[in-house]
Amino acid sequence: MVLVLLLLGAQPWSRVGNDYLLFLPMIMLPEGFLNGAVLTMLTLLRPAWVRSFDDRDYIDGK
């Protein structure tokens, strides 16, 4: 998204750097932690839900 903003000239680099990239590390850590925690919980409580995920059904051809 940052590249789109910069390439289209919608926002100058100084604004993107100060308003978005400054907060990116704070957003990335909780996002990764929450995704990992939810997947771990699903693996422990509902393993059939995780086991039934198949890349061919959800990712291939999209």
Protein backbone atom coordinates (compact mmCIF):
# COMPACT_ATOMS: atom_id res chain seq x y z
CA MET A 1 0.00 0.00 0.00
CA VAL A 2 2.89 2.31 0.73
CA LEU A 3 4.22 1.79 -2.79
CA VAL A 4 0.82 2.58 -4.29
CA LEU A 5 0.59 5.82 -2.32
CA LEU A 6 4.08 6.82 -3.38
CA LEU A 7 3.82 5.79 -7.04
CA LEU A 8 0.50 7.53 -7.53
CA GLY A 9 1.75 10.62 -5.79
CA ALA A 10 -1.18 10.53 -3.40
CA GLN A 11 1.06 11.17 -0.41
CA PRO A 12 4.61 12.55 -0.19
CA TRP A 13 7.36 10.31 1.21
CA SER A 14 7.77 12.47 4.31
CA ARG A 15 4.15 11.94 5.31
CA VAL A 16 4.18 8.21 4.58
CA GLY A 17 7.40 7.78 6.55
CA ASN A 18 6.18 9.79 9.53
CA ASP A 19 2.57 8.64 9.66
CA TYR A 20 2.73 5.00 8.56
CA LEU A 21 6.18 3.46 8.68
CA LEU A 22 6.84 4.86 12.14
CA PHE A 23 4.02 2.75 13.60
CA LEU A 24 4.55 -0.36 11.46
CA PRO A 25 6.74 -2.23 14.02
CA MET A 26 4.12 -1.67 16.74
CA ILE A 27 1.42 -3.13 14.49
CA MET A 28 3.40 -6.12 13.22
CA LEU A 29 4.22 -7.69 16.60
CA PRO A 30 0.66 -7.91 17.98
CA GLU A 31 -0.70 -9.02 14.60
CA GLY A 32 1.75 -11.91 14.40
CA PHE A 33 1.18 -12.84 18.02
CA LEU A 34 -2.60 -12.91 17.67
CA ASN A 35 -2.50 -15.00 14.50
CA GLY A 36 -0.14 -17.49 16.12
CA ALA A 37 -2.19 -17.65 19.30
CA VAL A 38 -5.44 -18.28 17.42
CA LEU A 39 -3.89 -21.00 15.27
CA THR A 40 -2.36 -22.66 18.34
CA MET A 41 -5.70 -22.56 20.13
CA LEU A 42 -7.47 -24.05 17.10
CA THR A 43 -4.84 -26.77 16.80
CA LEU A 44 -5.34 -27.75 20.44
CA LEU A 45 -9.12 -27.43 20.68
CA ARG A 46 -10.36 -28.19 17.15
CA PRO A 47 -7.60 -30.06 15.28
CA ALA A 48 -10.03 -31.23 12.59
CA TRP A 49 -10.61 -27.62 11.53
CA VAL A 50 -6.88 -27.08 11.00
CA ARG A 51 -6.31 -30.50 9.47
CA SER A 52 -9.06 -29.93 6.91
CA PHE A 53 -7.32 -26.83 5.48
CA ASP A 54 -6.00 -27.63 2.01
CA ASP A 55 -3.99 -25.17 -0.09
CA ARG A 56 -5.57 -26.51 -3.28
CA ASP A 57 -9.02 -25.52 -2.07
CA TYR A 58 -8.22 -22.04 -0.81
CA ILE A 59 -5.08 -20.74 -2.54
CA ASP A 60 -4.40 -22.46 -5.87
CA GLY A 61 -6.02 -20.89 -8.89
CA LYS A 62 -6.93 -17.66 -7.13
